[in-house]
Amino acid sequence: MTTYTATVTVRLKRGVLDPEAETTKRALERLGFELEALRSADQFELDLDAESADSAADRADEMAERLLANPTIHDYDVEVTEA
């Protein structure tokens, strides 16, 4: 088995209110930064032993579906690298 690091990035779907991002966006604008939009995200790094990168990605995807993200309001991405 090989150890892989799966990075799961979870963010709210477009159209879902993101008060944390809105507050941060307003603060950045008060500091003089111009930006079109800002979205907050949570990132989880999982170290997994798996037979292949695809297997590690499948396990991380299942974890995201079952606990890390709420598919009703979140989108998520999974990236896998060999540790």
C-alpha atoms as a PDB file:
ATOM      1  CA  MET A   1       0.000   0.000   0.000  1.00  0.00           C
ATOM      2  CA  THR A   2       1.035   3.578  -0.615  1.00  0.00           C
ATOM      3  CA  THR A   3       0.264   6.638   1.481  1.00  0.00           C
ATOM      4  CA  TYR A   4      -1.645   9.386  -0.304  1.00  0.00           C
ATOM      5  CA  THR A   5      -2.764  12.819   0.792  1.00  0.00           C
ATOM      6  CA  ALA A   6      -6.292  13.664  -0.279  1.00  0.00           C
ATOM      7  CA  THR A   7      -7.226  17.330  -0.081  1.00  0.00           C
ATOM      8  CA  VAL A   8     -10.969  17.962   0.134  1.00  0.00           C
ATOM      9  CA  THR A   9     -12.047  21.565  -0.437  1.00  0.00           C
ATOM     10  CA  VAL A  10     -15.623  22.294   0.638  1.00  0.00           C
ATOM     11  CA  ARG A  11     -17.397  25.519  -0.303  1.00  0.00           C
ATOM     12  CA  LEU A  12     -20.952  26.768  -0.337  1.00  0.00           C
ATOM     13  CA  LYS A  13     -22.754  26.455  -3.655  1.00  0.00           C
ATOM     14  CA  ARG A  14     -23.254  29.645  -5.632  1.00  0.00           C
ATOM     15  CA  GLY A  15     -26.416  31.362  -4.478  1.00  0.00           C
ATOM     16  CA  VAL A  16     -26.162  30.104  -0.880  1.00  0.00           C
ATOM     17  CA  LEU A  17     -25.585  32.957   1.569  1.00  0.00           C
ATOM     18  CA  ASP A  18     -22.001  33.096   2.814  1.00  0.00           C
ATOM     19  CA  PRO A  19     -21.940  35.637   5.671  1.00  0.00           C
ATOM     20  CA  GLU A  20     -18.283  34.973   6.514  1.00  0.00           C
ATOM     21  CA  ALA A  21     -17.213  35.753   2.956  1.00  0.00           C
ATOM     22  CA  GLU A  22     -19.426  38.853   2.763  1.00  0.00           C
ATOM     23  CA  THR A  23     -17.964  40.259   5.991  1.00  0.00           C
ATOM     24  CA  THR A  24     -14.425  39.580   4.784  1.00  0.00           C
ATOM     25  CA  LYS A  25     -15.161  41.094   1.359  1.00  0.00           C
ATOM     26  CA  ARG A  26     -16.473  44.311   2.930  1.00  0.00           C
ATOM     27  CA  ALA A  27     -13.403  44.528   5.191  1.00  0.00           C
ATOM     28  CA  LEU A  28     -11.056  44.066   2.226  1.00  0.00           C
ATOM     29  CA  GLU A  29     -12.915  46.776   0.290  1.00  0.00           C
ATOM     30  CA  ARG A  30     -12.565  49.156   3.276  1.00  0.00           C
ATOM     31  CA  LEU A  31      -8.823  48.489   3.110  1.00  0.00           C
ATOM     32  CA  GLY A  32      -8.813  49.594  -0.529  1.00  0.00           C
ATOM     33  CA  PHE A  33      -8.869  46.216  -2.279  1.00  0.00           C
ATOM     34  CA  GLU A  34     -11.246  45.837  -5.202  1.00  0.00           C
ATOM     35  CA  LEU A  35     -12.713  42.434  -5.845  1.00  0.00           C
ATOM     36  CA  GLU A  36     -15.666  41.088  -7.738  1.00  0.00           C
ATOM     37  CA  ALA A  37     -16.609  38.342  -5.282  1.00  0.00           C
ATOM     38  CA  LEU A  38     -15.260  36.301  -2.411  1.00  0.00           C
ATOM     39  CA  ARG A  39     -16.218  32.811  -1.258  1.00  0.00           C
ATOM     40  CA  SER A  40     -15.065  31.068   1.875  1.00  0.00           C
ATOM     41  CA  ALA A  41     -14.005  27.430   1.886  1.00  0.00           C
ATOM     42  CA  ASP A  42     -12.939  24.733   4.310  1.00  0.00           C
ATOM     43  CA  GLN A  43     -10.059  22.464   3.408  1.00  0.00           C
ATOM     44  CA  PHE A  44      -9.364  19.031   4.861  1.00  0.00           C
ATOM     45  CA  GLU A  45      -6.146  17.071   4.310  1.00  0.00           C
ATOM     46  CA  LEU A  46      -6.496  13.330   4.746  1.00  0.00           C
ATOM     47  CA  ASP A  47      -3.518  10.968   4.826  1.00  0.00           C
ATOM     48  CA  LEU A  48      -4.681   7.571   3.568  1.00  0.00           C
ATOM     49  CA  ASP A  49      -3.085   4.217   2.798  1.00  0.00           C
ATOM     50  CA  ALA A  50      -4.560   2.924  -0.450  1.00  0.00           C
ATOM     51  CA  GLU A  51      -3.780   0.637  -3.375  1.00  0.00           C
ATOM     52  CA  SER A  52      -3.892   3.531  -5.861  1.00  0.00           C
ATOM     53  CA  ALA A  53      -4.566   7.245  -6.183  1.00  0.00           C
ATOM     54  CA  ASP A  54      -8.009   6.425  -7.605  1.00  0.00           C
ATOM     55  CA  SER A  55      -8.809   4.289  -4.571  1.00  0.00           C
ATOM     56  CA  ALA A  56      -7.700   7.088  -2.225  1.00  0.00           C
ATOM     57  CA  ALA A  57      -9.837   9.569  -4.186  1.00  0.00           C
ATOM     58  CA  ASP A  58     -12.859   7.268  -3.947  1.00  0.00           C
ATOM     59  CA  ARG A  59     -12.449   6.963  -0.159  1.00  0.00           C
ATOM     60  CA  ALA A  60     -12.028  10.741   0.248  1.00  0.00           C
ATOM     61  CA  ASP A  61     -15.086  11.306  -1.952  1.00  0.00           C
ATOM     62  CA  GLU A  62     -17.129   8.984   0.256  1.00  0.00           C
ATOM     63  CA  MET A  63     -15.931  10.840   3.374  1.00  0.00           C
ATOM     64  CA  ALA A  64     -16.947  14.143   1.808  1.00  0.00           C
ATOM     65  CA  GLU A  65     -20.382  12.819   0.848  1.00  0.00           C
ATOM     66  CA  ARG A  66     -21.037  11.272   4.247  1.00  0.00           C
ATOM     67  CA  LEU A  67     -19.597  13.885   6.618  1.00  0.00           C
ATOM     68  CA  LEU A  68     -17.351  16.665   5.342  1.00  0.00           C
ATOM     69  CA  ALA A  69     -19.893  18.305   3.010  1.00  0.00           C
ATOM     70  CA  ASN A  70     -23.642  18.682   2.903  1.00  0.00           C
ATOM     71  CA  PRO A  71     -24.444  17.999  -0.776  1.00  0.00           C
ATOM     72  CA  THR A  72     -27.572  20.156  -0.519  1.00  0.00           C
ATOM     73  CA  ILE A  73     -25.611  23.367   0.099  1.00  0.00           C
ATOM     74  CA  HIS A  74     -21.951  22.506  -0.599  1.00  0.00           C
ATOM     75  CA  ASP A  75     -19.778  21.754  -3.585  1.00  0.00           C
ATOM     76  CA  TYR A  76     -16.473  20.010  -3.009  1.00  0.00           C
ATOM     77  CA  ASP A  77     -13.330  19.014  -4.865  1.00  0.00           C
ATOM     78  CA  VAL A  78     -10.969  16.144  -4.103  1.00  0.00           C
ATOM     79  CA  GLU A  79      -7.308  16.215  -5.116  1.00  0.00           C
ATOM     80  CA  VAL A  80      -4.940  13.332  -4.381  1.00  0.00           C
ATOM     81  CA  THR A  81      -1.158  13.345  -4.280  1.00  0.00           C
ATOM     82  CA  GLU A  82       1.307  10.707  -3.212  1.00  0.00           C
ATOM     83  CA  ALA A  83       2.624  11.537   0.243  1.00  0.00           C
END
